[in-house]
Every structure is written in structure tokens, then in C-alpha cells.
Amino acid sequence: MQENGGFILIVSTGLILIIVIALIILFTTFQNKKNILVEERKRTKEEFERTIAETQIEIREETLRNISWELHDNIGQLLTLAKIQLQSATAEDIQEVSKTITKGLTEVRALSKLINPEAMSTIDLRDAVQLEIDRFNRLNFIASTLEISGQERDIEQKSSIIIFRILQEFFSNTIKHSRASQLKVSLAYSNAELLIIAKDNGVGFSSEEKKEGIGLINIKNRAKLIGAKVQFNSEKNKGTALEIHYKL
């Protein structure tokens, strides 16, 4: 009986040791995986913050390029025209000179909204897109419209920055490469998502063609950071459309 009792004790002790060792291994494995997950989350957060910072810089650079162009070509031309008008102006011509100067002041006020760093760091998606649309129309780049439908809802600030940069890239390609005469942008709000569609009536491209400069991979990677999905639809000589699906 004592031998049986001793055997049972040894077996029991062995089983307990095995269970303890297994628990230690499981706990260690769990802790290691937890630490790896924490590190991955930290890296993801750092990458996200870095991308946001880079995107803000890109937006500012694009905005400053636009401002530089407008100062040189648009406002510069208006001031030159006003100077020429003044040199040969009569009393009857003063009204035309006044109109030219007023137009120049309007352009300067529009630029002041874009150059404000605080405005760019607290960007509102609708206002930012509207400023771009207004600029295209003001400078006769392309006939542009913005349509809003559904009940507007607040969008997380960093998501707004990413979405606006994606649209900015699309706008840039439309103006530089599409030879389009019209650009239509719509923001459609629903309970589940915000659907953004930007469409031009330019030359488009077929699925077999490689569209240089469109930056599709870059755009998709940006969208992925905020849990959004993007899709390009294009047909030869029928324009290009960009769809952004952002979950609210």
C-alpha cells in the first residue's frame, strides 16, 4: 500500500510539474506574442503618424506650388494689365481699371485662405475640396462642380487629410494629363459610409494600358491606412472616375 501510495505521489507530482511547466510555456508564449503585438501596433502607429506628417507636407508643397503659379501668372498678369490701363486711362476708363484691381484683390483673398498654415493643419474635407474646385473655375483650368448629398457628418481629422491628398493627386493628374473639360466631385453621406466620386470626361485609359503618374498603388496604400477602399474606373476616350469608400 505504501509503495502504491508512493507511486501515486510521484505520478501526481510529475503531472503537477508537467502542468506547471506547460503553464509557464503557455504564459511565456502568450507574453511574447503580446509583446510582438504591442511592437507591431507601435510600429503601425508610428508609420501612420509619419504618413500623416508626410501627407500634410505634400499638401502644403502642392498648395505653395499653386500659389506660386497664381502669383506669377495670374495675379502678376492682372497687376500688369492694371498698370497698362492706368498709363493710358481717361476719366471714362477708371471703372475698367477698378474692375481689374478688384479682381486682383479677390484673387489675393482666395490665396490667403490657402496659405494659412493653421487652416491646412485643421483641414476640413468639404472646405478643402471646395477651395480646389473654386480655384479650378477661377483660373479656367477646368469646369468643376462639387455636389453634397445626405446628412453631413464629422470625419476624423487625419482621415480628412489622407482623403484630401488622394483627391489632390487625382485632380493634378486630371488637369495635367486627361485633357478633360469637366470635373465633377460628389460627397455622398449615408449612415454607414462616405462615398466620394471624382470623375472627369478626359481621354481615359484602357485596362491594358499602363497609366503613368496616376499613382494608383500609392493611393491604395494611403486609403488602406484609414480603412478606406479606392477604385478606378476608366474607359478609353470616356474619362476616368475615382471612387473612395470611407466607413463612418
C-alpha atoms as a PDB file:
ATOM      1  CA  MET A   1       0.000   0.000   0.000  1.00  0.00           C
ATOM      2  CA  GLN A   2       2.844   2.339   0.889  1.00  0.00           C
ATOM      3  CA  GLU A   3       4.557   1.514  -2.381  1.00  0.00           C
ATOM      4  CA  ASN A   4       1.325   2.249  -4.288  1.00  0.00           C
ATOM      5  CA  GLY A   5       0.900   5.459  -2.336  1.00  0.00           C
ATOM      6  CA  GLY A   6       4.468   6.476  -3.108  1.00  0.00           C
ATOM      7  CA  PHE A   7       3.973   5.688  -6.797  1.00  0.00           C
ATOM      8  CA  ILE A   8       0.763   7.720  -6.930  1.00  0.00           C
ATOM      9  CA  LEU A   9       2.532  10.615  -5.178  1.00  0.00           C
ATOM     10  CA  ILE A  10       5.397  10.509  -7.678  1.00  0.00           C
ATOM     11  CA  VAL A  11       2.985  10.361 -10.629  1.00  0.00           C
ATOM     12  CA  SER A  12       0.871  13.151  -9.182  1.00  0.00           C
ATOM     13  CA  THR A  13       3.932  15.287  -8.538  1.00  0.00           C
ATOM     14  CA  GLY A  14       5.139  14.622 -12.069  1.00  0.00           C
ATOM     15  CA  LEU A  15       1.794  15.566 -13.547  1.00  0.00           C
ATOM     16  CA  ILE A  16       1.704  18.760 -11.486  1.00  0.00           C
ATOM     17  CA  LEU A  17       5.217  19.637 -12.643  1.00  0.00           C
ATOM     18  CA  ILE A  18       4.252  18.979 -16.263  1.00  0.00           C
ATOM     19  CA  ILE A  19       1.151  21.145 -15.887  1.00  0.00           C
ATOM     20  CA  VAL A  20       3.194  23.917 -14.225  1.00  0.00           C
ATOM     21  CA  ILE A  21       5.835  23.743 -16.959  1.00  0.00           C
ATOM     22  CA  ALA A  22       3.124  23.751 -19.644  1.00  0.00           C
ATOM     23  CA  LEU A  23       1.505  26.788 -17.998  1.00  0.00           C
ATOM     24  CA  ILE A  24       4.867  28.554 -17.827  1.00  0.00           C
ATOM     25  CA  ILE A  25       5.478  27.792 -21.521  1.00  0.00           C
ATOM     26  CA  LEU A  26       1.974  28.955 -22.436  1.00  0.00           C
ATOM     27  CA  PHE A  27       2.337  32.127 -20.373  1.00  0.00           C
ATOM     28  CA  THR A  28       5.763  32.840 -21.871  1.00  0.00           C
ATOM     29  CA  THR A  29       4.455  32.243 -25.396  1.00  0.00           C
ATOM     30  CA  PHE A  30       1.438  34.434 -24.680  1.00  0.00           C
ATOM     31  CA  GLN A  31       3.645  37.181 -23.252  1.00  0.00           C
ATOM     32  CA  ASN A  32       5.997  37.025 -26.229  1.00  0.00           C
ATOM     33  CA  LYS A  33       3.107  37.225 -28.686  1.00  0.00           C
ATOM     34  CA  LYS A  34       1.615  40.075 -26.675  1.00  0.00           C
ATOM     35  CA  ASN A  35       4.928  41.937 -26.787  1.00  0.00           C
ATOM     36  CA  ILE A  36       5.184  41.321 -30.537  1.00  0.00           C
ATOM     37  CA  LEU A  37       1.629  42.617 -30.998  1.00  0.00           C
ATOM     38  CA  VAL A  38       2.391  45.698 -28.905  1.00  0.00           C
ATOM     39  CA  GLU A  39       5.505  46.349 -31.001  1.00  0.00           C
ATOM     40  CA  GLU A  40       3.559  45.864 -34.225  1.00  0.00           C
ATOM     41  CA  ARG A  41       0.886  48.283 -33.028  1.00  0.00           C
ATOM     42  CA  LYS A  42       3.578  50.759 -32.039  1.00  0.00           C
ATOM     43  CA  ARG A  43       5.248  50.471 -35.457  1.00  0.00           C
ATOM     44  CA  THR A  44       1.888  50.765 -37.211  1.00  0.00           C
ATOM     45  CA  LYS A  45       1.021  53.856 -35.201  1.00  0.00           C
ATOM     46  CA  GLU A  46       4.422  55.378 -35.891  1.00  0.00           C
ATOM     47  CA  GLU A  47       4.076  54.586 -39.603  1.00  0.00           C
ATOM     48  CA  PHE A  48       0.573  56.087 -39.626  1.00  0.00           C
ATOM     49  CA  GLU A  49       1.741  59.259 -37.856  1.00  0.00           C
ATOM     50  CA  ARG A  50       4.718  59.505 -40.218  1.00  0.00           C
ATOM     51  CA  THR A  51       2.430  59.109 -43.240  1.00  0.00           C
ATOM     52  CA  ILE A  52       0.076  61.792 -41.883  1.00  0.00           C
ATOM     53  CA  ALA A  53       3.013  64.169 -41.398  1.00  0.00           C
ATOM     54  CA  GLU A  54       4.358  63.420 -44.884  1.00  0.00           C
ATOM     55  CA  THR A  55       0.892  63.891 -46.379  1.00  0.00           C
ATOM     56  CA  GLN A  56       0.489  67.270 -44.674  1.00  0.00           C
ATOM     57  CA  ILE A  57       3.850  68.322 -46.087  1.00  0.00           C
ATOM     58  CA  GLU A  58       2.820  67.144 -49.578  1.00  0.00           C
ATOM     59  CA  ILE A  59      -0.434  69.105 -49.341  1.00  0.00           C
ATOM     60  CA  ARG A  60       1.442  72.241 -48.301  1.00  0.00           C
ATOM     61  CA  GLU A  61       4.016  71.774 -51.073  1.00  0.00           C
ATOM     62  CA  GLU A  62       1.270  71.337 -53.673  1.00  0.00           C
ATOM     63  CA  THR A  63      -0.567  74.349 -52.289  1.00  0.00           C
ATOM     64  CA  LEU A  64       2.565  76.506 -52.344  1.00  0.00           C
ATOM     65  CA  ARG A  65       3.269  75.456 -55.940  1.00  0.00           C
ATOM     66  CA  ASN A  66      -0.249  76.509 -56.875  1.00  0.00           C
ATOM     67  CA  ILE A  67       0.129  79.815 -55.031  1.00  0.00           C
ATOM     68  CA  SER A  68       3.478  80.444 -56.715  1.00  0.00           C
ATOM     69  CA  TRP A  69       1.928  79.840 -60.115  1.00  0.00           C
ATOM     70  CA  GLU A  70      -1.034  82.105 -59.392  1.00  0.00           C
ATOM     71  CA  LEU A  71       1.173  84.914 -58.069  1.00  0.00           C
ATOM     72  CA  HIS A  72       3.409  84.741 -61.119  1.00  0.00           C
ATOM     73  CA  ASP A  73       0.950  84.093 -63.914  1.00  0.00           C
ATOM     74  CA  ASN A  74      -2.477  85.153 -62.744  1.00  0.00           C
ATOM     75  CA  ILE A  75      -2.151  87.984 -60.243  1.00  0.00           C
ATOM     76  CA  GLY A  76       1.009  89.192 -61.974  1.00  0.00           C
ATOM     77  CA  GLN A  77      -0.918  89.479 -65.242  1.00  0.00           C
ATOM     78  CA  LEU A  78      -3.770  91.337 -63.516  1.00  0.00           C
ATOM     79  CA  LEU A  79      -1.366  93.860 -61.993  1.00  0.00           C
ATOM     80  CA  THR A  80       0.425  94.305 -65.315  1.00  0.00           C
ATOM     81  CA  LEU A  81      -2.924  94.874 -67.011  1.00  0.00           C
ATOM     82  CA  ALA A  82      -3.930  97.414 -64.355  1.00  0.00           C
ATOM     83  CA  LYS A  83      -0.614  99.231 -64.849  1.00  0.00           C
ATOM     84  CA  ILE A  84      -1.111  99.387 -68.632  1.00  0.00           C
ATOM     85  CA  GLN A  85      -4.696 100.581 -68.180  1.00  0.00           C
ATOM     86  CA  LEU A  86      -3.584 103.323 -65.775  1.00  0.00           C
ATOM     87  CA  GLN A  87      -0.871 104.552 -68.135  1.00  0.00           C
ATOM     88  CA  SER A  88      -3.407 105.355 -70.836  1.00  0.00           C
ATOM     89  CA  ALA A  89      -6.518 105.799 -68.722  1.00  0.00           C
ATOM     90  CA  THR A  90      -9.003 108.568 -69.156  1.00  0.00           C
ATOM     91  CA  ALA A  91     -11.752 109.510 -66.754  1.00  0.00           C
ATOM     92  CA  GLU A  92     -14.063 107.126 -68.568  1.00  0.00           C
ATOM     93  CA  ASP A  93     -11.601 104.226 -68.229  1.00  0.00           C
ATOM     94  CA  ILE A  94     -11.260 104.396 -64.434  1.00  0.00           C
ATOM     95  CA  GLN A  95     -14.109 101.928 -63.962  1.00  0.00           C
ATOM     96  CA  GLU A  96     -12.311  99.269 -66.010  1.00  0.00           C
ATOM     97  CA  VAL A  97      -9.117  99.842 -64.025  1.00  0.00           C
ATOM     98  CA  SER A  98     -11.134  99.491 -60.817  1.00  0.00           C
ATOM     99  CA  LYS A  99     -12.597  96.176 -62.017  1.00  0.00           C
ATOM    100  CA  THR A 100      -9.121  94.814 -62.783  1.00  0.00           C
ATOM    101  CA  ILE A 101      -7.781  95.847 -59.373  1.00  0.00           C
ATOM    102  CA  THR A 102     -10.866  94.417 -57.634  1.00  0.00           C
ATOM    103  CA  LYS A 103     -10.354  91.110 -59.409  1.00  0.00           C
ATOM    104  CA  GLY A 104      -6.732  91.094 -58.290  1.00  0.00           C
ATOM    105  CA  LEU A 105      -7.785  91.712 -54.672  1.00  0.00           C
ATOM    106  CA  THR A 106     -10.284  88.844 -54.912  1.00  0.00           C
ATOM    107  CA  GLU A 107      -7.502  86.545 -56.114  1.00  0.00           C
ATOM    108  CA  VAL A 108      -5.252  87.625 -53.242  1.00  0.00           C
ATOM    109  CA  ARG A 109      -8.018  86.941 -50.689  1.00  0.00           C
ATOM    110  CA  ALA A 110      -8.542  83.479 -52.168  1.00  0.00           C
ATOM    111  CA  LEU A 111      -4.825  82.763 -51.911  1.00  0.00           C
ATOM    112  CA  SER A 112      -4.741  83.942 -48.291  1.00  0.00           C
ATOM    113  CA  LYS A 113      -7.104  81.115 -47.373  1.00  0.00           C
ATOM    114  CA  LEU A 114      -4.732  78.575 -48.896  1.00  0.00           C
ATOM    115  CA  ILE A 115      -1.511  79.949 -47.446  1.00  0.00           C
ATOM    116  CA  ASN A 116      -2.712  79.908 -43.831  1.00  0.00           C
ATOM    117  CA  PRO A 117      -0.755  77.067 -42.125  1.00  0.00           C
ATOM    118  CA  GLU A 118      -3.338  76.784 -39.354  1.00  0.00           C
ATOM    119  CA  ALA A 119      -6.080  76.207 -41.917  1.00  0.00           C
ATOM    120  CA  MET A 120      -4.056  73.448 -43.547  1.00  0.00           C
ATOM    121  CA  SER A 121      -3.336  71.691 -40.234  1.00  0.00           C
ATOM    122  CA  THR A 122      -7.020  71.695 -39.253  1.00  0.00           C
ATOM    123  CA  ILE A 123      -8.292  70.832 -42.688  1.00  0.00           C
ATOM    124  CA  ASP A 124     -11.999  70.326 -43.255  1.00  0.00           C
ATOM    125  CA  LEU A 125     -12.607  67.960 -46.154  1.00  0.00           C
ATOM    126  CA  ARG A 126     -15.568  69.744 -47.704  1.00  0.00           C
ATOM    127  CA  ASP A 127     -13.978  73.196 -47.412  1.00  0.00           C
ATOM    128  CA  ALA A 128     -10.643  71.966 -48.758  1.00  0.00           C
ATOM    129  CA  VAL A 129     -12.263  70.336 -51.803  1.00  0.00           C
ATOM    130  CA  GLN A 130     -14.410  73.427 -52.365  1.00  0.00           C
ATOM    131  CA  LEU A 131     -11.301  75.633 -52.377  1.00  0.00           C
ATOM    132  CA  GLU A 132      -9.774  73.422 -55.070  1.00  0.00           C
ATOM    133  CA  ILE A 133     -12.979  73.472 -57.140  1.00  0.00           C
ATOM    134  CA  ASP A 134     -13.194  77.262 -56.818  1.00  0.00           C
ATOM    135  CA  ARG A 135      -9.565  77.620 -57.887  1.00  0.00           C
ATOM    136  CA  PHE A 136     -10.063  75.474 -60.997  1.00  0.00           C
ATOM    137  CA  ASN A 137     -13.082  77.538 -62.021  1.00  0.00           C
ATOM    138  CA  ARG A 138     -11.492  80.880 -61.137  1.00  0.00           C
ATOM    139  CA  LEU A 139      -8.448  80.157 -63.286  1.00  0.00           C
ATOM    140  CA  ASN A 140     -10.457  78.475 -66.061  1.00  0.00           C
ATOM    141  CA  PHE A 141      -8.438  75.268 -65.702  1.00  0.00           C
ATOM    142  CA  ILE A 142     -11.475  73.021 -65.984  1.00  0.00           C
ATOM    143  CA  ALA A 143     -15.219  73.426 -65.423  1.00  0.00           C
ATOM    144  CA  SER A 144     -15.627  71.903 -61.963  1.00  0.00           C
ATOM    145  CA  THR A 145     -18.519  71.177 -59.610  1.00  0.00           C
ATOM    146  CA  LEU A 146     -18.908  69.820 -56.080  1.00  0.00           C
ATOM    147  CA  GLU A 147     -22.131  68.113 -55.017  1.00  0.00           C
ATOM    148  CA  ILE A 148     -23.016  67.148 -51.438  1.00  0.00           C
ATOM    149  CA  SER A 149     -25.778  64.672 -50.629  1.00  0.00           C
ATOM    150  CA  GLY A 150     -27.033  63.073 -47.427  1.00  0.00           C
ATOM    151  CA  GLN A 151     -26.594  64.273 -43.862  1.00  0.00           C
ATOM    152  CA  GLU A 152     -23.065  65.597 -43.441  1.00  0.00           C
ATOM    153  CA  ARG A 153     -21.089  64.027 -40.602  1.00  0.00           C
ATOM    154  CA  ASP A 154     -17.783  64.842 -38.963  1.00  0.00           C
ATOM    155  CA  ILE A 155     -14.775  62.982 -40.308  1.00  0.00           C
ATOM    156  CA  GLU A 156     -11.724  62.209 -38.218  1.00  0.00           C
ATOM    157  CA  GLN A 157      -9.086  64.871 -38.873  1.00  0.00           C
ATOM    158  CA  LYS A 158      -6.305  62.545 -40.006  1.00  0.00           C
ATOM    159  CA  SER A 159      -8.669  60.698 -42.336  1.00  0.00           C
ATOM    160  CA  SER A 160      -9.660  64.033 -43.905  1.00  0.00           C
ATOM    161  CA  ILE A 161      -6.001  64.785 -44.599  1.00  0.00           C
ATOM    162  CA  ILE A 162      -5.451  61.428 -46.317  1.00  0.00           C
ATOM    163  CA  ILE A 163      -8.668  61.659 -48.378  1.00  0.00           C
ATOM    164  CA  PHE A 164      -7.921  65.211 -49.477  1.00  0.00           C
ATOM    165  CA  ARG A 165      -4.414  64.263 -50.592  1.00  0.00           C
ATOM    166  CA  ILE A 166      -5.799  61.352 -52.615  1.00  0.00           C
ATOM    167  CA  LEU A 167      -8.227  63.726 -54.323  1.00  0.00           C
ATOM    168  CA  GLN A 168      -5.481  66.285 -54.835  1.00  0.00           C
ATOM    169  CA  GLU A 169      -3.406  63.684 -56.685  1.00  0.00           C
ATOM    170  CA  PHE A 170      -6.379  62.774 -58.858  1.00  0.00           C
ATOM    171  CA  PHE A 171      -7.095  66.455 -59.624  1.00  0.00           C
ATOM    172  CA  SER A 172      -3.459  67.015 -60.561  1.00  0.00           C
ATOM    173  CA  ASN A 173      -3.479  64.096 -62.988  1.00  0.00           C
ATOM    174  CA  THR A 174      -6.795  65.206 -64.462  1.00  0.00           C
ATOM    175  CA  ILE A 175      -5.502  68.701 -65.207  1.00  0.00           C
ATOM    176  CA  LYS A 176      -2.060  67.616 -66.417  1.00  0.00           C
ATOM    177  CA  HIS A 177      -2.855  64.505 -68.454  1.00  0.00           C
ATOM    178  CA  SER A 178      -6.554  63.883 -69.105  1.00  0.00           C
ATOM    179  CA  ARG A 179      -7.294  66.788 -71.488  1.00  0.00           C
ATOM    180  CA  ALA A 180     -10.720  66.913 -69.799  1.00  0.00           C
ATOM    181  CA  SER A 181     -13.085  69.873 -69.960  1.00  0.00           C
ATOM    182  CA  GLN A 182     -15.222  68.864 -66.962  1.00  0.00           C
ATOM    183  CA  LEU A 183     -14.552  67.616 -63.448  1.00  0.00           C
ATOM    184  CA  LYS A 184     -17.362  66.511 -61.148  1.00  0.00           C
ATOM    185  CA  VAL A 185     -16.870  65.684 -57.477  1.00  0.00           C
ATOM    186  CA  SER A 186     -19.542  64.319 -55.156  1.00  0.00           C
ATOM    187  CA  LEU A 187     -19.601  63.578 -51.422  1.00  0.00           C
ATOM    188  CA  ALA A 188     -22.474  61.222 -50.590  1.00  0.00           C
ATOM    189  CA  TYR A 189     -23.109  60.604 -46.880  1.00  0.00           C
ATOM    190  CA  SER A 190     -25.043  57.635 -45.524  1.00  0.00           C
ATOM    191  CA  ASN A 191     -25.258  56.033 -42.095  1.00  0.00           C
ATOM    192  CA  ALA A 192     -22.563  53.519 -42.961  1.00  0.00           C
ATOM    193  CA  GLU A 193     -20.092  55.357 -45.172  1.00  0.00           C
ATOM    194  CA  LEU A 194     -18.994  58.393 -47.097  1.00  0.00           C
ATOM    195  CA  LEU A 195     -18.799  57.722 -50.831  1.00  0.00           C
ATOM    196  CA  ILE A 196     -16.599  60.142 -52.729  1.00  0.00           C
ATOM    197  CA  ILE A 197     -16.605  60.142 -56.514  1.00  0.00           C
ATOM    198  CA  ALA A 198     -14.335  62.316 -58.647  1.00  0.00           C
ATOM    199  CA  LYS A 199     -14.914  61.995 -62.386  1.00  0.00           C
ATOM    200  CA  ASP A 200     -13.532  63.728 -65.455  1.00  0.00           C
ATOM    201  CA  ASN A 201     -14.510  63.491 -69.124  1.00  0.00           C
ATOM    202  CA  GLY A 202     -10.962  63.201 -70.411  1.00  0.00           C
ATOM    203  CA  VAL A 203      -9.153  60.732 -72.636  1.00  0.00           C
ATOM    204  CA  GLY A 204      -9.243  57.942 -70.057  1.00  0.00           C
ATOM    205  CA  PHE A 205      -7.248  54.752 -70.442  1.00  0.00           C
ATOM    206  CA  SER A 206      -7.937  51.097 -71.108  1.00  0.00           C
ATOM    207  CA  SER A 207      -7.245  48.349 -68.570  1.00  0.00           C
ATOM    208  CA  GLU A 208      -4.348  47.114 -70.708  1.00  0.00           C
ATOM    209  CA  GLU A 209      -2.578  50.464 -70.683  1.00  0.00           C
ATOM    210  CA  LYS A 210      -0.093  51.498 -68.059  1.00  0.00           C
ATOM    211  CA  LYS A 211      -1.181  54.893 -66.809  1.00  0.00           C
ATOM    212  CA  GLU A 212       1.986  56.667 -65.741  1.00  0.00           C
ATOM    213  CA  GLY A 213       1.729  59.233 -62.973  1.00  0.00           C
ATOM    214  CA  ILE A 214      -1.650  58.076 -61.673  1.00  0.00           C
ATOM    215  CA  GLY A 215      -0.007  56.670 -58.524  1.00  0.00           C
ATOM    216  CA  LEU A 216      -2.670  54.005 -58.057  1.00  0.00           C
ATOM    217  CA  ILE A 217      -0.598  51.866 -55.682  1.00  0.00           C
ATOM    218  CA  ASN A 218       0.316  54.890 -53.595  1.00  0.00           C
ATOM    219  CA  ILE A 219      -3.327  55.975 -53.444  1.00  0.00           C
ATOM    220  CA  LYS A 220      -4.475  52.492 -52.395  1.00  0.00           C
ATOM    221  CA  ASN A 221      -1.825  52.330 -49.679  1.00  0.00           C
ATOM    222  CA  ARG A 222      -2.922  55.692 -48.314  1.00  0.00           C
ATOM    223  CA  ALA A 223      -6.556  54.624 -48.291  1.00  0.00           C
ATOM    224  CA  LYS A 224      -5.690  51.378 -46.508  1.00  0.00           C
ATOM    225  CA  LEU A 225      -4.226  53.350 -43.594  1.00  0.00           C
ATOM    226  CA  ILE A 226      -7.653  54.804 -42.784  1.00  0.00           C
ATOM    227  CA  GLY A 227      -9.653  51.684 -43.605  1.00  0.00           C
ATOM    228  CA  ALA A 228     -10.944  53.130 -46.877  1.00  0.00           C
ATOM    229  CA  LYS A 229     -11.218  51.447 -50.271  1.00  0.00           C
ATOM    230  CA  VAL A 230     -10.494  53.095 -53.601  1.00  0.00           C
ATOM    231  CA  GLN A 231     -11.437  52.065 -57.101  1.00  0.00           C
ATOM    232  CA  PHE A 232     -10.545  53.477 -60.509  1.00  0.00           C
ATOM    233  CA  ASN A 233     -12.952  53.176 -63.409  1.00  0.00           C
ATOM    234  CA  SER A 234     -11.741  54.350 -66.777  1.00  0.00           C
ATOM    235  CA  GLU A 235     -12.523  53.801 -70.416  1.00  0.00           C
ATOM    236  CA  LYS A 236     -10.653  54.987 -73.460  1.00  0.00           C
ATOM    237  CA  ASN A 237     -11.976  58.412 -74.543  1.00  0.00           C
ATOM    238  CA  LYS A 238     -14.721  58.285 -71.895  1.00  0.00           C
ATOM    239  CA  GLY A 239     -12.940  59.712 -68.892  1.00  0.00           C
ATOM    240  CA  THR A 240     -11.753  58.450 -65.538  1.00  0.00           C
ATOM    241  CA  ALA A 241     -13.564  58.106 -62.216  1.00  0.00           C
ATOM    242  CA  LEU A 242     -12.126  57.636 -58.754  1.00  0.00           C
ATOM    243  CA  GLU A 243     -14.312  56.172 -56.009  1.00  0.00           C
ATOM    244  CA  ILE A 244     -13.394  56.326 -52.322  1.00  0.00           C
ATOM    245  CA  HIS A 245     -15.429  54.324 -49.830  1.00  0.00           C
ATOM    246  CA  TYR A 246     -14.798  55.531 -46.274  1.00  0.00           C
ATOM    247  CA  LYS A 247     -16.572  53.875 -43.341  1.00  0.00           C
ATOM    248  CA  LEU A 248     -18.180  56.311 -40.902  1.00  0.00           C
END
